[in-house]
Amino acid sequence: MSRGEIDQTDVPWWLQHIECGATEANWDVEYYTLPDDEFVALIEKAAPCYQALVDSGDVSVDVLPPEITNPECLEGRNPYNGDDELLDAFYDCAFG
C-alpha cells in the first residue's frame, strides 16, 4: 500500500470492471430491488464476464457475491427482494 496501490477488497466488485454490466444497477442502488426477470438478466450477462476475469486471475472470487459465482442458485428469482425463505434457500444453495 505504500506505493499508492488500492487493495482489490477495498473497491466494490461492481466497480472493479464496469464492462461486465453490473455497475449502473449497483450505483443506483436498485440492484437489490430489481424485478426477478431484470435481476436474472443482469446476472446472466455479468456472471460470465466476471468468471472470465476470475479465470484470468484479474479478479479474486472472494470479492464476488454469490449470485455472480453461483448464478444457477437464483432459480429465476431475485433473492434480495425481501422474501426471507427465498434468500435462505439461495444462500443454502450457494454456500451449502
PDB file of N, CA and C in Angstrom:
ATOM      1  N   MET A   1       0.799  -1.195   0.000  1.00  0.00           N
ATOM      2  CA  MET A   1       0.000   0.000   0.000  1.00  0.00           C
ATOM      3  C   MET A   1       0.847   1.268   0.000  1.00  0.00           C
ATOM      4  N   SER A   2       2.093   1.179   0.346  1.00  0.00           N
ATOM      5  CA  SER A   2       2.925   2.380   0.411  1.00  0.00           C
ATOM      6  C   SER A   2       3.198   2.971  -0.966  1.00  0.00           C
ATOM      7  N   ARG A   3       2.923   2.214  -2.018  1.00  0.00           N
ATOM      8  CA  ARG A   3       3.147   2.709  -3.379  1.00  0.00           C
ATOM      9  C   ARG A   3       1.887   3.316  -3.978  1.00  0.00           C
ATOM     10  N   GLY A   4       0.878   3.544  -3.164  1.00  0.00           N
ATOM     11  CA  GLY A   4      -0.357   4.128  -3.669  1.00  0.00           C
ATOM     12  C   GLY A   4      -1.289   3.127  -4.307  1.00  0.00           C
ATOM     13  N   GLU A   5      -1.082   1.838  -4.066  1.00  0.00           N
ATOM     14  CA  GLU A   5      -1.940   0.810  -4.638  1.00  0.00           C
ATOM     15  C   GLU A   5      -3.168   0.610  -3.755  1.00  0.00           C
ATOM     16  N   ILE A   6      -4.287   0.300  -4.383  1.00  0.00           N
ATOM     17  CA  ILE A   6      -5.522   0.026  -3.662  1.00  0.00           C
ATOM     18  C   ILE A   6      -5.734  -1.476  -3.666  1.00  0.00           C
ATOM     19  N   ASP A   7      -5.999  -2.022  -2.507  1.00  0.00           N
ATOM     20  CA  ASP A   7      -6.286  -3.442  -2.388  1.00  0.00           C
ATOM     21  C   ASP A   7      -7.613  -3.740  -3.070  1.00  0.00           C
ATOM     22  N   GLN A   8      -7.687  -4.849  -3.776  1.00  0.00           N
ATOM     23  CA  GLN A   8      -8.886  -5.221  -4.528  1.00  0.00           C
ATOM     24  C   GLN A   8     -10.121  -5.282  -3.634  1.00  0.00           C
ATOM     25  N   THR A   9      -9.957  -5.660  -2.380  1.00  0.00           N
ATOM     26  CA  THR A   9     -11.104  -5.782  -1.487  1.00  0.00           C
ATOM     27  C   THR A   9     -11.634  -4.424  -1.028  1.00  0.00           C
ATOM     28  N   ASP A  10     -10.900  -3.347  -1.296  1.00  0.00           N
ATOM     29  CA  ASP A  10     -11.355  -2.008  -0.920  1.00  0.00           C
ATOM     30  C   ASP A  10     -12.265  -1.375  -1.968  1.00  0.00           C
ATOM     31  N   VAL A  11     -12.361  -1.976  -3.130  1.00  0.00           N
ATOM     32  CA  VAL A  11     -13.179  -1.451  -4.222  1.00  0.00           C
ATOM     33  C   VAL A  11     -14.345  -2.420  -4.439  1.00  0.00           C
ATOM     34  N   PRO A  12     -15.587  -1.926  -4.434  1.00  0.00           N
ATOM     35  CA  PRO A  12     -16.719  -2.828  -4.646  1.00  0.00           C
ATOM     36  C   PRO A  12     -16.554  -3.638  -5.944  1.00  0.00           C
ATOM     37  N   TRP A  13     -16.985  -4.882  -5.892  1.00  0.00           N
ATOM     38  CA  TRP A  13     -16.837  -5.782  -7.043  1.00  0.00           C
ATOM     39  C   TRP A  13     -17.417  -5.179  -8.299  1.00  0.00           C
ATOM     40  N   TRP A  14     -18.523  -4.479  -8.203  1.00  0.00           N
ATOM     41  CA  TRP A  14     -19.217  -3.941  -9.366  1.00  0.00           C
ATOM     42  C   TRP A  14     -18.528  -2.718  -9.956  1.00  0.00           C
ATOM     43  N   LEU A  15     -17.590  -2.131  -9.224  1.00  0.00           N
ATOM     44  CA  LEU A  15     -16.808  -1.013  -9.767  1.00  0.00           C
ATOM     45  C   LEU A  15     -15.469  -1.458 -10.347  1.00  0.00           C
ATOM     46  N   GLN A  16     -15.061  -2.666 -10.045  1.00  0.00           N
ATOM     47  CA  GLN A  16     -13.752  -3.129 -10.489  1.00  0.00           C
ATOM     48  C   GLN A  16     -13.691  -3.329 -12.004  1.00  0.00           C
ATOM     49  N   HIS A  17     -14.768  -3.746 -12.585  1.00  0.00           N
ATOM     50  CA  HIS A  17     -14.812  -3.997 -14.035  1.00  0.00           C
ATOM     51  C   HIS A  17     -16.181  -3.592 -14.566  1.00  0.00           C
ATOM     52  N   ILE A  18     -16.304  -2.332 -14.925  1.00  0.00           N
ATOM     53  CA  ILE A  18     -17.605  -1.818 -15.374  1.00  0.00           C
ATOM     54  C   ILE A  18     -18.069  -2.460 -16.678  1.00  0.00           C
ATOM     55  N   GLU A  19     -17.139  -3.018 -17.408  1.00  0.00           N
ATOM     56  CA  GLU A  19     -17.503  -3.660 -18.676  1.00  0.00           C
ATOM     57  C   GLU A  19     -18.392  -4.889 -18.480  1.00  0.00           C
ATOM     58  N   CYS A  20     -18.495  -5.387 -17.262  1.00  0.00           N
ATOM     59  CA  CYS A  20     -19.320  -6.567 -17.009  1.00  0.00           C
ATOM     60  C   CYS A  20     -20.800  -6.240 -16.848  1.00  0.00           C
ATOM     61  N   GLY A  21     -21.143  -4.962 -16.728  1.00  0.00           N
ATOM     62  CA  GLY A  21     -22.535  -4.546 -16.785  1.00  0.00           C
ATOM     63  C   GLY A  21     -23.307  -4.509 -15.474  1.00  0.00           C
ATOM     64  N   ALA A  22     -22.643  -4.589 -14.333  1.00  0.00           N
ATOM     65  CA  ALA A  22     -23.370  -4.553 -13.065  1.00  0.00           C
ATOM     66  C   ALA A  22     -23.255  -3.211 -12.353  1.00  0.00           C
ATOM     67  N   THR A  23     -22.499  -2.297 -12.891  1.00  0.00           N
ATOM     68  CA  THR A  23     -22.208  -1.046 -12.198  1.00  0.00           C
ATOM     69  C   THR A  23     -23.429  -0.144 -12.051  1.00  0.00           C
ATOM     70  N   GLU A  24     -24.152   0.091 -13.122  1.00  0.00           N
ATOM     71  CA  GLU A  24     -25.258   1.044 -13.070  1.00  0.00           C
ATOM     72  C   GLU A  24     -26.321   0.637 -12.058  1.00  0.00           C
ATOM     73  N   ALA A  25     -26.723  -0.620 -12.066  1.00  0.00           N
ATOM     74  CA  ALA A  25     -27.761  -1.074 -11.127  1.00  0.00           C
ATOM     75  C   ALA A  25     -27.290  -0.950  -9.684  1.00  0.00           C
ATOM     76  N   ASN A  26     -26.017  -1.212  -9.434  1.00  0.00           N
ATOM     77  CA  ASN A  26     -25.495  -1.082  -8.080  1.00  0.00           C
ATOM     78  C   ASN A  26     -25.316   0.373  -7.692  1.00  0.00           C
ATOM     79  N   TRP A  27     -24.841   1.180  -8.614  1.00  0.00           N
ATOM     80  CA  TRP A  27     -24.638   2.602  -8.344  1.00  0.00           C
ATOM     81  C   TRP A  27     -25.955   3.274  -7.986  1.00  0.00           C
ATOM     82  N   ASP A  28     -27.010   2.914  -8.702  1.00  0.00           N
ATOM     83  CA  ASP A  28     -28.334   3.486  -8.469  1.00  0.00           C
ATOM     84  C   ASP A  28     -29.060   2.829  -7.294  1.00  0.00           C
ATOM     85  N   VAL A  29     -28.454   1.865  -6.666  1.00  0.00           N
ATOM     86  CA  VAL A  29     -28.980   1.132  -5.515  1.00  0.00           C
ATOM     87  C   VAL A  29     -30.268   0.373  -5.844  1.00  0.00           C
ATOM     88  N   GLU A  30     -30.525   0.137  -7.102  1.00  0.00           N
ATOM     89  CA  GLU A  30     -31.723  -0.623  -7.469  1.00  0.00           C
ATOM     90  C   GLU A  30     -31.432  -2.111  -7.581  1.00  0.00           C
ATOM     91  N   TYR A  31     -30.171  -2.484  -7.535  1.00  0.00           N
ATOM     92  CA  TYR A  31     -29.738  -3.866  -7.711  1.00  0.00           C
ATOM     93  C   TYR A  31     -30.563  -4.846  -6.868  1.00  0.00           C
ATOM     94  N   TYR A  32     -30.711  -4.551  -5.574  1.00  0.00           N
ATOM     95  CA  TYR A  32     -31.369  -5.471  -4.665  1.00  0.00           C
ATOM     96  C   TYR A  32     -32.887  -5.478  -4.793  1.00  0.00           C
ATOM     97  N   THR A  33     -33.442  -4.521  -5.507  1.00  0.00           N
ATOM     98  CA  THR A  33     -34.891  -4.449  -5.650  1.00  0.00           C
ATOM     99  C   THR A  33     -35.368  -4.667  -7.086  1.00  0.00           C
ATOM    100  N   LEU A  34     -34.470  -5.033  -7.967  1.00  0.00           N
ATOM    101  CA  LEU A  34     -34.859  -5.283  -9.353  1.00  0.00           C
ATOM    102  C   LEU A  34     -35.894  -6.402  -9.421  1.00  0.00           C
ATOM    103  N   PRO A  35     -36.850  -6.300 -10.322  1.00  0.00           N
ATOM    104  CA  PRO A  35     -37.780  -7.413 -10.544  1.00  0.00           C
ATOM    105  C   PRO A  35     -36.994  -8.669 -10.928  1.00  0.00           C
ATOM    106  N   ASP A  36     -37.562  -9.809 -10.642  1.00  0.00           N
ATOM    107  CA  ASP A  36     -36.873 -11.082 -10.879  1.00  0.00           C
ATOM    108  C   ASP A  36     -36.268 -11.174 -12.278  1.00  0.00           C
ATOM    109  N   ASP A  37     -37.059 -10.880 -13.308  1.00  0.00           N
ATOM    110  CA  ASP A  37     -36.574 -11.040 -14.676  1.00  0.00           C
ATOM    111  C   ASP A  37     -35.395 -10.103 -14.978  1.00  0.00           C
ATOM    112  N   GLU A  38     -35.443  -8.873 -14.472  1.00  0.00           N
ATOM    113  CA  GLU A  38     -34.350  -7.934 -14.718  1.00  0.00           C
ATOM    114  C   GLU A  38     -33.095  -8.329 -13.940  1.00  0.00           C
ATOM    115  N   PHE A  39     -33.276  -8.787 -12.705  1.00  0.00           N
ATOM    116  CA  PHE A  39     -32.132  -9.219 -11.894  1.00  0.00           C
ATOM    117  C   PHE A  39     -31.436 -10.410 -12.545  1.00  0.00           C
ATOM    118  N   VAL A  40     -32.214 -11.396 -12.925  1.00  0.00           N
ATOM    119  CA  VAL A  40     -31.644 -12.599 -13.542  1.00  0.00           C
ATOM    120  C   VAL A  40     -30.966 -12.251 -14.869  1.00  0.00           C
ATOM    121  N   ALA A  41     -31.555 -11.382 -15.660  1.00  0.00           N
ATOM    122  CA  ALA A  41     -30.941 -10.965 -16.929  1.00  0.00           C
ATOM    123  C   ALA A  41     -29.608 -10.265 -16.678  1.00  0.00           C
ATOM    124  N   LEU A  42     -29.562  -9.422 -15.661  1.00  0.00           N
ATOM    125  CA  LEU A  42     -28.318  -8.733 -15.330  1.00  0.00           C
ATOM    126  C   LEU A  42     -27.246  -9.741 -14.919  1.00  0.00           C
ATOM    127  N   ILE A  43     -27.615 -10.696 -14.075  1.00  0.00           N
ATOM    128  CA  ILE A  43     -26.656 -11.709 -13.618  1.00  0.00           C
ATOM    129  C   ILE A  43     -26.231 -12.606 -14.773  1.00  0.00           C
ATOM    130  N   GLU A  44     -27.151 -12.973 -15.649  1.00  0.00           N
ATOM    131  CA  GLU A  44     -26.792 -13.817 -16.797  1.00  0.00           C
ATOM    132  C   GLU A  44     -25.787 -13.125 -17.705  1.00  0.00           C
ATOM    133  N   LYS A  45     -25.834 -11.804 -17.769  1.00  0.00           N
ATOM    134  CA  LYS A  45     -24.860 -11.049 -18.558  1.00  0.00           C
ATOM    135  C   LYS A  45     -23.544 -10.885 -17.800  1.00  0.00           C
ATOM    136  N   ALA A  46     -23.642 -10.531 -16.520  1.00  0.00           N
ATOM    137  CA  ALA A  46     -22.456 -10.191 -15.740  1.00  0.00           C
ATOM    138  C   ALA A  46     -21.637 -11.405 -15.296  1.00  0.00           C
ATOM    139  N   ALA A  47     -22.283 -12.482 -14.913  1.00  0.00           N
ATOM    140  CA  ALA A  47     -21.572 -13.631 -14.345  1.00  0.00           C
ATOM    141  C   ALA A  47     -20.495 -14.199 -15.275  1.00  0.00           C
ATOM    142  N   PRO A  48     -20.781 -14.432 -16.551  1.00  0.00           N
ATOM    143  CA  PRO A  48     -19.719 -14.955 -17.423  1.00  0.00           C
ATOM    144  C   PRO A  48     -18.541 -13.986 -17.570  1.00  0.00           C
ATOM    145  N   CYS A  49     -18.838 -12.702 -17.567  1.00  0.00           N
ATOM    146  CA  CYS A  49     -17.792 -11.690 -17.666  1.00  0.00           C
ATOM    147  C   CYS A  49     -16.870 -11.765 -16.449  1.00  0.00           C
ATOM    148  N   TYR A  50     -17.480 -11.805 -15.265  1.00  0.00           N
ATOM    149  CA  TYR A  50     -16.675 -11.903 -14.045  1.00  0.00           C
ATOM    150  C   TYR A  50     -15.960 -13.240 -13.946  1.00  0.00           C
ATOM    151  N   GLN A  51     -16.601 -14.320 -14.385  1.00  0.00           N
ATOM    152  CA  GLN A  51     -15.946 -15.626 -14.344  1.00  0.00           C
ATOM    153  C   GLN A  51     -14.701 -15.637 -15.230  1.00  0.00           C
ATOM    154  N   ALA A  52     -14.781 -14.984 -16.379  1.00  0.00           N
ATOM    155  CA  ALA A  52     -13.608 -14.876 -17.256  1.00  0.00           C
ATOM    156  C   ALA A  52     -12.485 -14.102 -16.565  1.00  0.00           C
ATOM    157  N   LEU A  53     -12.845 -13.091 -15.803  1.00  0.00           N
ATOM    158  CA  LEU A  53     -11.844 -12.317 -15.066  1.00  0.00           C
ATOM    159  C   LEU A  53     -11.237 -13.141 -13.935  1.00  0.00           C
ATOM    160  N   VAL A  54     -12.048 -13.973 -13.285  1.00  0.00           N
ATOM    161  CA  VAL A  54     -11.528 -14.887 -12.262  1.00  0.00           C
ATOM    162  C   VAL A  54     -10.570 -15.881 -12.913  1.00  0.00           C
ATOM    163  N   ASP A  55     -11.000 -16.459 -14.035  1.00  0.00           N
ATOM    164  CA  ASP A  55     -10.169 -17.445 -14.736  1.00  0.00           C
ATOM    165  C   ASP A  55      -8.833 -16.866 -15.180  1.00  0.00           C
ATOM    166  N   SER A  56      -8.828 -15.581 -15.540  1.00  0.00           N
ATOM    167  CA  SER A  56      -7.584 -14.944 -15.994  1.00  0.00           C
ATOM    168  C   SER A  56      -6.724 -14.453 -14.836  1.00  0.00           C
ATOM    169  N   GLY A  57      -7.274 -14.489 -13.618  1.00  0.00           N
ATOM    170  CA  GLY A  57      -6.529 -14.026 -12.448  1.00  0.00           C
ATOM    171  C   GLY A  57      -6.666 -12.536 -12.180  1.00  0.00           C
ATOM    172  N   ASP A  58      -7.515 -11.847 -12.924  1.00  0.00           N
ATOM    173  CA  ASP A  58      -7.689 -10.411 -12.737  1.00  0.00           C
ATOM    174  C   ASP A  58      -8.621 -10.053 -11.582  1.00  0.00           C
ATOM    175  N   VAL A  59      -9.455 -10.996 -11.154  1.00  0.00           N
ATOM    176  CA  VAL A  59     -10.372 -10.781 -10.044  1.00  0.00           C
ATOM    177  C   VAL A  59     -10.327 -12.014  -9.150  1.00  0.00           C
ATOM    178  N   SER A  60     -10.351 -11.775  -7.853  1.00  0.00           N
ATOM    179  CA  SER A  60     -10.424 -12.877  -6.898  1.00  0.00           C
ATOM    180  C   SER A  60     -11.880 -13.251  -6.689  1.00  0.00           C
ATOM    181  N   VAL A  61     -12.164 -14.524  -6.705  1.00  0.00           N
ATOM    182  CA  VAL A  61     -13.538 -15.000  -6.484  1.00  0.00           C
ATOM    183  C   VAL A  61     -14.042 -14.555  -5.112  1.00  0.00           C
ATOM    184  N   ASP A  62     -13.138 -14.300  -4.190  1.00  0.00           N
ATOM    185  CA  ASP A  62     -13.506 -13.902  -2.824  1.00  0.00           C
ATOM    186  C   ASP A  62     -14.207 -12.551  -2.749  1.00  0.00           C
ATOM    187  N   VAL A  63     -14.054 -11.713  -3.756  1.00  0.00           N
ATOM    188  CA  VAL A  63     -14.682 -10.382  -3.711  1.00  0.00           C
ATOM    189  C   VAL A  63     -16.043 -10.357  -4.408  1.00  0.00           C
ATOM    190  N   LEU A  64     -16.425 -11.463  -5.002  1.00  0.00           N
ATOM    191  CA  LEU A  64     -17.674 -11.513  -5.768  1.00  0.00           C
ATOM    192  C   LEU A  64     -18.826 -12.048  -4.926  1.00  0.00           C
ATOM    193  N   PRO A  65     -20.046 -11.536  -5.153  1.00  0.00           N
ATOM    194  CA  PRO A  65     -21.208 -12.023  -4.410  1.00  0.00           C
ATOM    195  C   PRO A  65     -21.656 -13.387  -4.936  1.00  0.00           C
ATOM    196  N   PRO A  66     -22.436 -14.118  -4.135  1.00  0.00           N
ATOM    197  CA  PRO A  66     -22.826 -15.475  -4.526  1.00  0.00           C
ATOM    198  C   PRO A  66     -23.664 -15.556  -5.792  1.00  0.00           C
ATOM    199  N   GLU A  67     -24.422 -14.523  -6.116  1.00  0.00           N
ATOM    200  CA  GLU A  67     -25.205 -14.581  -7.351  1.00  0.00           C
ATOM    201  C   GLU A  67     -24.318 -14.552  -8.587  1.00  0.00           C
ATOM    202  N   ILE A  68     -23.127 -13.977  -8.474  1.00  0.00           N
ATOM    203  CA  ILE A  68     -22.179 -13.961  -9.582  1.00  0.00           C
ATOM    204  C   ILE A  68     -21.425 -15.285  -9.657  1.00  0.00           C
ATOM    205  N   THR A  69     -21.059 -15.830  -8.515  1.00  0.00           N
ATOM    206  CA  THR A  69     -20.287 -17.079  -8.509  1.00  0.00           C
ATOM    207  C   THR A  69     -21.169 -18.316  -8.614  1.00  0.00           C
ATOM    208  N   ASN A  70     -22.439 -18.194  -8.255  1.00  0.00           N
ATOM    209  CA  ASN A  70     -23.365 -19.326  -8.296  1.00  0.00           C
ATOM    210  C   ASN A  70     -24.710 -18.910  -8.898  1.00  0.00           C
ATOM    211  N   PRO A  71     -24.709 -18.425 -10.132  1.00  0.00           N
ATOM    212  CA  PRO A  71     -25.974 -17.940 -10.716  1.00  0.00           C
ATOM    213  C   PRO A  71     -27.038 -19.024 -10.854  1.00  0.00           C
ATOM    214  N   GLU A  72     -26.630 -20.276 -10.896  1.00  0.00           N
ATOM    215  CA  GLU A  72     -27.593 -21.369 -11.012  1.00  0.00           C
ATOM    216  C   GLU A  72     -28.491 -21.458  -9.782  1.00  0.00           C
ATOM    217  N   CYS A  73     -28.065 -20.881  -8.668  1.00  0.00           N
ATOM    218  CA  CYS A  73     -28.853 -20.916  -7.432  1.00  0.00           C
ATOM    219  C   CYS A  73     -29.991 -19.897  -7.415  1.00  0.00           C
ATOM    220  N   LEU A  74     -30.030 -19.014  -8.378  1.00  0.00           N
ATOM    221  CA  LEU A  74     -31.079 -17.997  -8.413  1.00  0.00           C
ATOM    222  C   LEU A  74     -32.454 -18.577  -8.731  1.00  0.00           C
ATOM    223  N   GLU A  75     -32.480 -19.608  -9.530  1.00  0.00           N
ATOM    224  CA  GLU A  75     -33.730 -20.250  -9.942  1.00  0.00           C
ATOM    225  C   GLU A  75     -34.745 -19.242 -10.471  1.00  0.00           C
ATOM    226  N   GLY A  76     -34.237 -18.253 -11.241  1.00  0.00           N
ATOM    227  CA  GLY A  76     -35.114 -17.288 -11.889  1.00  0.00           C
ATOM    228  C   GLY A  76     -35.654 -16.193 -10.995  1.00  0.00           C
ATOM    229  N   ARG A  77     -35.089 -16.034  -9.801  1.00  0.00           N
ATOM    230  CA  ARG A  77     -35.620 -15.064  -8.835  1.00  0.00           C
ATOM    231  C   ARG A  77     -34.521 -14.147  -8.311  1.00  0.00           C
ATOM    232  N   ASN A  78     -34.912 -12.961  -7.869  1.00  0.00           N
ATOM    233  CA  ASN A  78     -34.014 -12.061  -7.162  1.00  0.00           C
ATOM    234  C   ASN A  78     -34.150 -12.377  -5.672  1.00  0.00           C
ATOM    235  N   PRO A  79     -33.157 -13.009  -5.081  1.00  0.00           N
ATOM    236  CA  PRO A  79     -33.292 -13.441  -3.686  1.00  0.00           C
ATOM    237  C   PRO A  79     -33.261 -12.291  -2.683  1.00  0.00           C
ATOM    238  N   TYR A  80     -32.940 -11.094  -3.134  1.00  0.00           N
ATOM    239  CA  TYR A  80     -32.802  -9.953  -2.226  1.00  0.00           C
ATOM    240  C   TYR A  80     -34.066  -9.099  -2.135  1.00  0.00           C
ATOM    241  N   ASN A  81     -35.143  -9.536  -2.724  1.00  0.00           N
ATOM    242  CA  ASN A  81     -36.373  -8.742  -2.772  1.00  0.00           C
ATOM    243  C   ASN A  81     -37.223  -8.809  -1.507  1.00  0.00           C
ATOM    244  N   GLY A  82     -36.709  -9.332  -0.412  1.00  0.00           N
ATOM    245  CA  GLY A  82     -37.439  -9.307   0.846  1.00  0.00           C
ATOM    246  C   GLY A  82     -38.089 -10.612   1.271  1.00  0.00           C
ATOM    247  N   ASP A  83     -37.946 -11.657   0.490  1.00  0.00           N
ATOM    248  CA  ASP A  83     -38.505 -12.960   0.844  1.00  0.00           C
ATOM    249  C   ASP A  83     -37.412 -13.746   1.582  1.00  0.00           C
ATOM    250  N   ASP A  84     -37.549 -13.839   2.911  1.00  0.00           N
ATOM    251  CA  ASP A  84     -36.508 -14.487   3.722  1.00  0.00           C
ATOM    252  C   ASP A  84     -36.317 -15.956   3.376  1.00  0.00           C
ATOM    253  N   GLU A  85     -37.389 -16.668   3.076  1.00  0.00           N
ATOM    254  CA  GLU A  85     -37.272 -18.081   2.712  1.00  0.00           C
ATOM    255  C   GLU A  85     -36.510 -18.243   1.404  1.00  0.00           C
ATOM    256  N   LEU A  86     -36.790 -17.387   0.448  1.00  0.00           N
ATOM    257  CA  LEU A  86     -36.089 -17.427  -0.828  1.00  0.00           C
ATOM    258  C   LEU A  86     -34.606 -17.120  -0.629  1.00  0.00           C
ATOM    259  N   LEU A  87     -34.307 -16.121   0.193  1.00  0.00           N
ATOM    260  CA  LEU A  87     -32.919 -15.765   0.463  1.00  0.00           C
ATOM    261  C   LEU A  87     -32.196 -16.909   1.168  1.00  0.00           C
ATOM    262  N   ASP A  88     -32.828 -17.527   2.143  1.00  0.00           N
ATOM    263  CA  ASP A  88     -32.222 -18.663   2.842  1.00  0.00           C
ATOM    264  C   ASP A  88     -31.936 -19.812   1.881  1.00  0.00           C
ATOM    265  N   ALA A  89     -32.885 -20.128   1.004  1.00  0.00           N
ATOM    266  CA  ALA A  89     -32.691 -21.204   0.026  1.00  0.00           C
ATOM    267  C   ALA A  89     -31.555 -20.862  -0.931  1.00  0.00           C
ATOM    268  N   PHE A  90     -31.483 -19.600  -1.333  1.00  0.00           N
ATOM    269  CA  PHE A  90     -30.402 -19.163  -2.214  1.00  0.00           C
ATOM    270  C   PHE A  90     -29.057 -19.338  -1.524  1.00  0.00           C
ATOM    271  N   TYR A  91     -28.934 -18.866  -0.290  1.00  0.00           N
ATOM    272  CA  TYR A  91     -27.677 -18.996   0.446  1.00  0.00           C
ATOM    273  C   TYR A  91     -27.326 -20.464   0.695  1.00  0.00           C
ATOM    274  N   ASP A  92     -28.339 -21.299   1.013  1.00  0.00           N
ATOM    275  CA  ASP A  92     -28.075 -22.720   1.198  1.00  0.00           C
ATOM    276  C   ASP A  92     -27.484 -23.340  -0.058  1.00  0.00           C
ATOM    277  N   CYS A  93     -28.029 -22.966  -1.198  1.00  0.00           N
ATOM    278  CA  CYS A  93     -27.532 -23.475  -2.478  1.00  0.00           C
ATOM    279  C   CYS A  93     -26.125 -22.955  -2.761  1.00  0.00           C
ATOM    280  N   ALA A  94     -25.931 -21.661  -2.589  1.00  0.00           N
ATOM    281  CA  ALA A  94     -24.651 -21.036  -2.955  1.00  0.00           C
ATOM    282  C   ALA A  94     -23.513 -21.412  -2.008  1.00  0.00           C
ATOM    283  N   PHE A  95     -23.817 -21.583  -0.731  1.00  0.00           N
ATOM    284  CA  PHE A  95     -22.765 -21.829   0.253  1.00  0.00           C
ATOM    285  C   PHE A  95     -22.810 -23.238   0.851  1.00  0.00           C
ATOM    286  N   GLY A  96     -23.850 -24.014   0.472  1.00  0.00           N
ATOM    287  CA  GLY A  96     -24.044 -25.317   1.092  1.00  0.00           C
ATOM    288  C   GLY A  96     -23.319 -26.407   0.496  1.00  0.00           C
TER     289      GLY A  96
END
